[in-house]
Amino acid sequence: MHKQPRDDHDRERSDLSIMTAFENAKLFRIVHEAILLYHGDLGMVKADRLLEVYEELLSWRRKLPPELSNDTGDPSPPILILQ
């Protein structure tokens, strides 16, 4: 099969999309925890649990792969979704 120059670019775009979806899923899990914290069955929001969820968000942001980090200039559309 003959390889076109754009094939590598399409592969990189596909990898970035998969990576973005994976990070999105991790972020949504944390957001889900935050929603349950405020609207769950427990009734009261506990400060220690709120801090835990906040730390999870900070940790998620720190662990973002460099390709998805907004620290490197002009972000691509998938990065904007995560920010």
PDB file of N, CA and C in Angstrom:
ATOM      1  N   MET A   1       0.848  -1.184   0.000  1.00  0.00           N
ATOM      2  CA  MET A   1       0.000   0.000   0.000  1.00  0.00           C
ATOM      3  C   MET A   1       0.887   1.239   0.000  1.00  0.00           C
ATOM      4  N   HIS A   2       0.557   2.166  -0.858  1.00  0.00           N
ATOM      5  CA  HIS A   2       1.338   3.389  -0.970  1.00  0.00           C
ATOM      6  C   HIS A   2       0.939   4.359   0.138  1.00  0.00           C
ATOM      7  N   LYS A   3       1.929   4.930   0.775  1.00  0.00           N
ATOM      8  CA  LYS A   3       1.677   5.850   1.883  1.00  0.00           C
ATOM      9  C   LYS A   3       1.708   7.290   1.378  1.00  0.00           C
ATOM     10  N   GLN A   4       0.681   8.027   1.714  1.00  0.00           N
ATOM     11  CA  GLN A   4       0.593   9.427   1.351  1.00  0.00           C
ATOM     12  C   GLN A   4       1.160  10.280   2.492  1.00  0.00           C
ATOM     13  N   PRO A   5       1.717  11.465   2.181  1.00  0.00           N
ATOM     14  CA  PRO A   5       2.240  12.332   3.249  1.00  0.00           C
ATOM     15  C   PRO A   5       1.186  12.709   4.287  1.00  0.00           C
ATOM     16  N   ARG A   6      -0.036  12.815   3.875  1.00  0.00           N
ATOM     17  CA  ARG A   6      -1.081  13.200   4.818  1.00  0.00           C
ATOM     18  C   ARG A   6      -1.459  12.068   5.773  1.00  0.00           C
ATOM     19  N   ASP A   7      -1.079  10.832   5.455  1.00  0.00           N
ATOM     20  CA  ASP A   7      -1.401   9.696   6.317  1.00  0.00           C
ATOM     21  C   ASP A   7      -0.845   9.868   7.723  1.00  0.00           C
ATOM     22  N   ASP A   8       0.408  10.346   7.832  1.00  0.00           N
ATOM     23  CA  ASP A   8       0.998  10.568   9.152  1.00  0.00           C
ATOM     24  C   ASP A   8       0.236  11.638   9.916  1.00  0.00           C
ATOM     25  N   HIS A   9      -0.155  12.683   9.199  1.00  0.00           N
ATOM     26  CA  HIS A   9      -0.918  13.766   9.839  1.00  0.00           C
ATOM     27  C   HIS A   9      -2.270  13.249  10.330  1.00  0.00           C
ATOM     28  N   ASP A  10      -2.931  12.433   9.512  1.00  0.00           N
ATOM     29  CA  ASP A  10      -4.226  11.867   9.916  1.00  0.00           C
ATOM     30  C   ASP A  10      -4.059  10.955  11.125  1.00  0.00           C
ATOM     31  N   ARG A  11      -2.976  10.194  11.147  1.00  0.00           N
ATOM     32  CA  ARG A  11      -2.701   9.302  12.282  1.00  0.00           C
ATOM     33  C   ARG A  11      -2.480  10.114  13.557  1.00  0.00           C
ATOM     34  N   GLU A  12      -1.723  11.213  13.461  1.00  0.00           N
ATOM     35  CA  GLU A  12      -1.487  12.071  14.621  1.00  0.00           C
ATOM     36  C   GLU A  12      -2.791  12.684  15.104  1.00  0.00           C
ATOM     37  N   ARG A  13      -3.625  13.105  14.179  1.00  0.00           N
ATOM     38  CA  ARG A  13      -4.907  13.694  14.550  1.00  0.00           C
ATOM     39  C   ARG A  13      -5.791  12.659  15.244  1.00  0.00           C
ATOM     40  N   SER A  14      -5.783  11.427  14.733  1.00  0.00           N
ATOM     41  CA  SER A  14      -6.553  10.351  15.335  1.00  0.00           C
ATOM     42  C   SER A  14      -6.049  10.047  16.747  1.00  0.00           C
ATOM     43  N   ASP A  15      -4.714   9.977  16.915  1.00  0.00           N
ATOM     44  CA  ASP A  15      -4.140   9.736  18.240  1.00  0.00           C
ATOM     45  C   ASP A  15      -4.512  10.838  19.210  1.00  0.00           C
ATOM     46  N   LEU A  16      -4.484  12.087  18.745  1.00  0.00           N
ATOM     47  CA  LEU A  16      -4.845  13.217  19.590  1.00  0.00           C
ATOM     48  C   LEU A  16      -6.315  13.149  19.981  1.00  0.00           C
ATOM     49  N   SER A  17      -7.156  12.731  19.052  1.00  0.00           N
ATOM     50  CA  SER A  17      -8.596  12.601  19.352  1.00  0.00           C
ATOM     51  C   SER A  17      -8.844  11.521  20.397  1.00  0.00           C
ATOM     52  N   ILE A  18      -8.141  10.407  20.272  1.00  0.00           N
ATOM     53  CA  ILE A  18      -8.295   9.322  21.255  1.00  0.00           C
ATOM     54  C   ILE A  18      -7.801   9.776  22.627  1.00  0.00           C
ATOM     55  N   MET A  19      -6.650  10.445  22.652  1.00  0.00           N
ATOM     56  CA  MET A  19      -6.094  10.939  23.907  1.00  0.00           C
ATOM     57  C   MET A  19      -7.048  11.956  24.546  1.00  0.00           C
ATOM     58  N   THR A  20      -7.632  12.822  23.725  1.00  0.00           N
ATOM     59  CA  THR A  20      -8.570  13.821  24.222  1.00  0.00           C
ATOM     60  C   THR A  20      -9.803  13.150  24.815  1.00  0.00           C
ATOM     61  N   ALA A  21     -10.328  12.141  24.142  1.00  0.00           N
ATOM     62  CA  ALA A  21     -11.504  11.426  24.646  1.00  0.00           C
ATOM     63  C   ALA A  21     -11.196  10.743  25.976  1.00  0.00           C
ATOM     64  N   PHE A  22     -10.018  10.167  26.087  1.00  0.00           N
ATOM     65  CA  PHE A  22      -9.614   9.499  27.326  1.00  0.00           C
ATOM     66  C   PHE A  22      -9.527  10.504  28.475  1.00  0.00           C
ATOM     67  N   GLU A  23      -8.910  11.658  28.231  1.00  0.00           N
ATOM     68  CA  GLU A  23      -8.799  12.680  29.277  1.00  0.00           C
ATOM     69  C   GLU A  23     -10.161  13.280  29.601  1.00  0.00           C
ATOM     70  N   ASN A  24     -11.001  13.413  28.581  1.00  0.00           N
ATOM     71  CA  ASN A  24     -12.363  13.901  28.805  1.00  0.00           C
ATOM     72  C   ASN A  24     -13.120  12.967  29.749  1.00  0.00           C
ATOM     73  N   ALA A  25     -12.977  11.669  29.551  1.00  0.00           N
ATOM     74  CA  ALA A  25     -13.650  10.689  30.407  1.00  0.00           C
ATOM     75  C   ALA A  25     -13.165  10.812  31.847  1.00  0.00           C
ATOM     76  N   LYS A  26     -11.856  10.997  32.031  1.00  0.00           N
ATOM     77  CA  LYS A  26     -11.325  11.156  33.386  1.00  0.00           C
ATOM     78  C   LYS A  26     -11.861  12.439  34.031  1.00  0.00           C
ATOM     79  N   LEU A  27     -11.918  13.512  33.243  1.00  0.00           N
ATOM     80  CA  LEU A  27     -12.445  14.774  33.761  1.00  0.00           C
ATOM     81  C   LEU A  27     -13.921  14.648  34.114  1.00  0.00           C
ATOM     82  N   PHE A  28     -14.698  14.001  33.267  1.00  0.00           N
ATOM     83  CA  PHE A  28     -16.126  13.839  33.536  1.00  0.00           C
ATOM     84  C   PHE A  28     -16.380  13.021  34.790  1.00  0.00           C
ATOM     85  N   ARG A  29     -15.501  12.063  35.086  1.00  0.00           N
ATOM     86  CA  ARG A  29     -15.638  11.292  36.319  1.00  0.00           C
ATOM     87  C   ARG A  29     -15.467  12.203  37.530  1.00  0.00           C
ATOM     88  N   ILE A  30     -14.508  13.112  37.474  1.00  0.00           N
ATOM     89  CA  ILE A  30     -14.288  14.048  38.578  1.00  0.00           C
ATOM     90  C   ILE A  30     -15.459  15.017  38.690  1.00  0.00           C
ATOM     91  N   VAL A  31     -15.936  15.505  37.564  1.00  0.00           N
ATOM     92  CA  VAL A  31     -17.088  16.417  37.562  1.00  0.00           C
ATOM     93  C   VAL A  31     -18.313  15.703  38.137  1.00  0.00           C
ATOM     94  N   HIS A  32     -18.476  14.445  37.787  1.00  0.00           N
ATOM     95  CA  HIS A  32     -19.588  13.653  38.327  1.00  0.00           C
ATOM     96  C   HIS A  32     -19.501  13.575  39.858  1.00  0.00           C
ATOM     97  N   GLU A  33     -18.307  13.370  40.371  1.00  0.00           N
ATOM     98  CA  GLU A  33     -18.111  13.354  41.827  1.00  0.00           C
ATOM     99  C   GLU A  33     -18.500  14.695  42.442  1.00  0.00           C
ATOM    100  N   ALA A  34     -18.139  15.784  41.783  1.00  0.00           N
ATOM    101  CA  ALA A  34     -18.493  17.115  42.290  1.00  0.00           C
ATOM    102  C   ALA A  34     -20.004  17.315  42.289  1.00  0.00           C
ATOM    103  N   ILE A  35     -20.669  16.855  41.248  1.00  0.00           N
ATOM    104  CA  ILE A  35     -22.133  16.979  41.191  1.00  0.00           C
ATOM    105  C   ILE A  35     -22.777  16.157  42.296  1.00  0.00           C
ATOM    106  N   LEU A  36     -22.300  14.937  42.490  1.00  0.00           N
ATOM    107  CA  LEU A  36     -22.837  14.107  43.576  1.00  0.00           C
ATOM    108  C   LEU A  36     -22.594  14.730  44.936  1.00  0.00           C
ATOM    109  N   LEU A  37     -21.483  15.414  45.070  1.00  0.00           N
ATOM    110  CA  LEU A  37     -21.163  16.071  46.330  1.00  0.00           C
ATOM    111  C   LEU A  37     -22.226  17.101  46.684  1.00  0.00           C
ATOM    112  N   TYR A  38     -22.661  17.866  45.707  1.00  0.00           N
ATOM    113  CA  TYR A  38     -23.647  18.918  45.960  1.00  0.00           C
ATOM    114  C   TYR A  38     -25.093  18.442  45.873  1.00  0.00           C
ATOM    115  N   HIS A  39     -25.351  17.426  45.070  1.00  0.00           N
ATOM    116  CA  HIS A  39     -26.733  17.014  44.830  1.00  0.00           C
ATOM    117  C   HIS A  39     -26.982  15.551  45.172  1.00  0.00           C
ATOM    118  N   GLY A  40     -26.101  14.948  45.935  1.00  0.00           N
ATOM    119  CA  GLY A  40     -26.240  13.540  46.269  1.00  0.00           C
ATOM    120  C   GLY A  40     -27.180  13.316  47.444  1.00  0.00           C
ATOM    121  N   ASP A  41     -27.191  12.090  47.926  1.00  0.00           N
ATOM    122  CA  ASP A  41     -28.096  11.700  48.999  1.00  0.00           C
ATOM    123  C   ASP A  41     -27.603  12.085  50.390  1.00  0.00           C
ATOM    124  N   LEU A  42     -26.367  12.535  50.498  1.00  0.00           N
ATOM    125  CA  LEU A  42     -25.800  12.790  51.818  1.00  0.00           C
ATOM    126  C   LEU A  42     -26.371  14.032  52.489  1.00  0.00           C
ATOM    127  N   GLY A  43     -26.903  14.954  51.729  1.00  0.00           N
ATOM    128  CA  GLY A  43     -27.545  16.114  52.318  1.00  0.00           C
ATOM    129  C   GLY A  43     -26.620  17.303  52.504  1.00  0.00           C
ATOM    130  N   MET A  44     -25.507  17.125  53.196  1.00  0.00           N
ATOM    131  CA  MET A  44     -24.609  18.247  53.477  1.00  0.00           C
ATOM    132  C   MET A  44     -23.281  18.066  52.741  1.00  0.00           C
ATOM    133  N   VAL A  45     -22.747  19.194  52.299  1.00  0.00           N
ATOM    134  CA  VAL A  45     -21.437  19.181  51.660  1.00  0.00           C
ATOM    135  C   VAL A  45     -20.385  19.235  52.764  1.00  0.00           C
ATOM    136  N   LYS A  46     -19.460  18.315  52.724  1.00  0.00           N
ATOM    137  CA  LYS A  46     -18.395  18.274  53.732  1.00  0.00           C
ATOM    138  C   LYS A  46     -17.137  18.902  53.137  1.00  0.00           C
ATOM    139  N   ALA A  47     -16.510  19.767  53.921  1.00  0.00           N
ATOM    140  CA  ALA A  47     -15.337  20.511  53.437  1.00  0.00           C
ATOM    141  C   ALA A  47     -14.204  19.578  53.030  1.00  0.00           C
ATOM    142  N   ASP A  48     -13.974  18.510  53.789  1.00  0.00           N
ATOM    143  CA  ASP A  48     -12.864  17.622  53.448  1.00  0.00           C
ATOM    144  C   ASP A  48     -13.099  16.920  52.116  1.00  0.00           C
ATOM    145  N   ARG A  49     -14.335  16.535  51.837  1.00  0.00           N
ATOM    146  CA  ARG A  49     -14.643  15.890  50.548  1.00  0.00           C
ATOM    147  C   ARG A  49     -14.542  16.901  49.405  1.00  0.00           C
ATOM    148  N   LEU A  50     -14.968  18.132  49.657  1.00  0.00           N
ATOM    149  CA  LEU A  50     -14.860  19.180  48.653  1.00  0.00           C
ATOM    150  C   LEU A  50     -13.390  19.412  48.291  1.00  0.00           C
ATOM    151  N   LEU A  51     -12.531  19.439  49.288  1.00  0.00           N
ATOM    152  CA  LEU A  51     -11.099  19.600  49.043  1.00  0.00           C
ATOM    153  C   LEU A  51     -10.518  18.409  48.287  1.00  0.00           C
ATOM    154  N   GLU A  52     -11.012  17.209  48.566  1.00  0.00           N
ATOM    155  CA  GLU A  52     -10.552  16.024  47.840  1.00  0.00           C
ATOM    156  C   GLU A  52     -10.881  16.128  46.345  1.00  0.00           C
ATOM    157  N   VAL A  53     -12.099  16.547  46.052  1.00  0.00           N
ATOM    158  CA  VAL A  53     -12.515  16.687  44.651  1.00  0.00           C
ATOM    159  C   VAL A  53     -11.691  17.782  43.975  1.00  0.00           C
ATOM    160  N   TYR A  54     -11.449  18.870  44.690  1.00  0.00           N
ATOM    161  CA  TYR A  54     -10.631  19.951  44.146  1.00  0.00           C
ATOM    162  C   TYR A  54      -9.213  19.455  43.857  1.00  0.00           C
ATOM    163  N   GLU A  55      -8.648  18.688  44.759  1.00  0.00           N
ATOM    164  CA  GLU A  55      -7.317  18.122  44.554  1.00  0.00           C
ATOM    165  C   GLU A  55      -7.299  17.164  43.357  1.00  0.00           C
ATOM    166  N   GLU A  56      -8.373  16.416  43.173  1.00  0.00           N
ATOM    167  CA  GLU A  56      -8.466  15.531  42.011  1.00  0.00           C
ATOM    168  C   GLU A  56      -8.433  16.343  40.715  1.00  0.00           C
ATOM    169  N   LEU A  57      -9.146  17.477  40.694  1.00  0.00           N
ATOM    170  CA  LEU A  57      -9.133  18.343  39.514  1.00  0.00           C
ATOM    171  C   LEU A  57      -7.729  18.892  39.242  1.00  0.00           C
ATOM    172  N   LEU A  58      -7.075  19.367  40.296  1.00  0.00           N
ATOM    173  CA  LEU A  58      -5.719  19.887  40.129  1.00  0.00           C
ATOM    174  C   LEU A  58      -4.762  18.807  39.656  1.00  0.00           C
ATOM    175  N   SER A  59      -4.896  17.624  40.213  1.00  0.00           N
ATOM    176  CA  SER A  59      -4.044  16.507  39.834  1.00  0.00           C
ATOM    177  C   SER A  59      -4.278  16.123  38.373  1.00  0.00           C
ATOM    178  N   TRP A  60      -5.540  16.093  37.964  1.00  0.00           N
ATOM    179  CA  TRP A  60      -5.868  15.774  36.573  1.00  0.00           C
ATOM    180  C   TRP A  60      -5.196  16.787  35.646  1.00  0.00           C
ATOM    181  N   ARG A  61      -5.273  18.055  35.998  1.00  0.00           N
ATOM    182  CA  ARG A  61      -4.690  19.113  35.154  1.00  0.00           C
ATOM    183  C   ARG A  61      -3.172  18.970  35.072  1.00  0.00           C
ATOM    184  N   ARG A  62      -2.530  18.673  36.191  1.00  0.00           N
ATOM    185  CA  ARG A  62      -1.070  18.514  36.209  1.00  0.00           C
ATOM    186  C   ARG A  62      -0.619  17.317  35.377  1.00  0.00           C
ATOM    187  N   LYS A  63      -1.432  16.273  35.330  1.00  0.00           N
ATOM    188  CA  LYS A  63      -1.055  15.042  34.642  1.00  0.00           C
ATOM    189  C   LYS A  63      -1.443  15.022  33.163  1.00  0.00           C
ATOM    190  N   LEU A  64      -2.020  16.102  32.660  1.00  0.00           N
ATOM    191  CA  LEU A  64      -2.371  16.140  31.242  1.00  0.00           C
ATOM    192  C   LEU A  64      -1.120  15.935  30.391  1.00  0.00           C
ATOM    193  N   PRO A  65      -1.217  15.124  29.359  1.00  0.00           N
ATOM    194  CA  PRO A  65      -0.073  14.952  28.458  1.00  0.00           C
ATOM    195  C   PRO A  65       0.309  16.297  27.828  1.00  0.00           C
ATOM    196  N   PRO A  66       1.585  16.493  27.535  1.00  0.00           N
ATOM    197  CA  PRO A  66       2.020  17.769  26.953  1.00  0.00           C
ATOM    198  C   PRO A  66       1.264  18.134  25.668  1.00  0.00           C
ATOM    199  N   GLU A  67       0.870  17.120  24.907  1.00  0.00           N
ATOM    200  CA  GLU A  67       0.131  17.393  23.665  1.00  0.00           C
ATOM    201  C   GLU A  67      -1.222  18.048  23.926  1.00  0.00           C
ATOM    202  N   LEU A  68      -1.758  17.846  25.113  1.00  0.00           N
ATOM    203  CA  LEU A  68      -3.071  18.399  25.441  1.00  0.00           C
ATOM    204  C   LEU A  68      -2.988  19.603  26.365  1.00  0.00           C
ATOM    205  N   SER A  69      -1.806  19.926  26.782  1.00  0.00           N
ATOM    206  CA  SER A  69      -1.628  21.062  27.684  1.00  0.00           C
ATOM    207  C   SER A  69      -1.749  22.354  26.895  1.00  0.00           C
ATOM    208  N   ASN A  70      -2.305  23.361  27.511  1.00  0.00           N
ATOM    209  CA  ASN A  70      -2.474  24.658  26.866  1.00  0.00           C
ATOM    210  C   ASN A  70      -1.255  25.538  27.098  1.00  0.00           C
ATOM    211  N   ASP A  71      -0.170  24.977  27.600  1.00  0.00           N
ATOM    212  CA  ASP A  71       1.019  25.754  27.921  1.00  0.00           C
ATOM    213  C   ASP A  71       1.920  25.979  26.713  1.00  0.00           C
ATOM    214  N   THR A  72       1.590  25.399  25.587  1.00  0.00           N
ATOM    215  CA  THR A  72       2.499  25.421  24.437  1.00  0.00           C
ATOM    216  C   THR A  72       1.955  26.224  23.267  1.00  0.00           C
ATOM    217  N   GLY A  73       1.534  27.437  23.488  1.00  0.00           N
ATOM    218  CA  GLY A  73       1.110  28.281  22.374  1.00  0.00           C
ATOM    219  C   GLY A  73      -0.344  28.125  22.011  1.00  0.00           C
ATOM    220  N   ASP A  74      -0.611  28.084  20.725  1.00  0.00           N
ATOM    221  CA  ASP A  74      -1.971  28.068  20.195  1.00  0.00           C
ATOM    222  C   ASP A  74      -2.568  26.667  20.289  1.00  0.00           C
ATOM    223  N   PRO A  75      -3.583  26.476  21.125  1.00  0.00           N
ATOM    224  CA  PRO A  75      -4.145  25.132  21.293  1.00  0.00           C
ATOM    225  C   PRO A  75      -5.023  24.705  20.121  1.00  0.00           C
ATOM    226  N   SER A  76      -5.074  23.405  19.905  1.00  0.00           N
ATOM    227  CA  SER A  76      -5.961  22.872  18.875  1.00  0.00           C
ATOM    228  C   SER A  76      -7.377  22.751  19.469  1.00  0.00           C
ATOM    229  N   PRO A  77      -8.398  22.571  18.640  1.00  0.00           N
ATOM    230  CA  PRO A  77      -9.773  22.494  19.150  1.00  0.00           C
ATOM    231  C   PRO A  77     -10.003  21.455  20.251  1.00  0.00           C
ATOM    232  N   PRO A  78      -9.420  20.225  20.178  1.00  0.00           N
ATOM    233  CA  PRO A  78      -9.656  19.293  21.286  1.00  0.00           C
ATOM    234  C   PRO A  78      -9.115  19.802  22.618  1.00  0.00           C
ATOM    235  N   ILE A  79      -8.017  20.562  22.570  1.00  0.00           N
ATOM    236  CA  ILE A  79      -7.458  21.087  23.809  1.00  0.00           C
ATOM    237  C   ILE A  79      -8.394  22.135  24.377  1.00  0.00           C
ATOM    238  N   LEU A  80      -8.997  22.947  23.529  1.00  0.00           N
ATOM    239  CA  LEU A  80      -9.928  23.952  24.007  1.00  0.00           C
ATOM    240  C   LEU A  80     -11.105  23.320  24.739  1.00  0.00           C
ATOM    241  N   ILE A  81     -11.532  22.160  24.277  1.00  0.00           N
ATOM    242  CA  ILE A  81     -12.622  21.456  24.939  1.00  0.00           C
ATOM    243  C   ILE A  81     -12.231  21.090  26.358  1.00  0.00           C
ATOM    244  N   LEU A  82     -10.999  20.636  26.565  1.00  0.00           N
ATOM    245  CA  LEU A  82     -10.543  20.215  27.886  1.00  0.00           C
ATOM    246  C   LEU A  82     -10.266  21.383  28.809  1.00  0.00           C
ATOM    247  N   GLN A  83      -9.954  22.556  28.263  1.00  0.00           N
ATOM    248  CA  GLN A  83      -9.624  23.695  29.103  1.00  0.00           C
ATOM    249  C   GLN A  83     -10.904  24.320  29.602  1.00  0.00           C
TER     250      GLN A  83
END
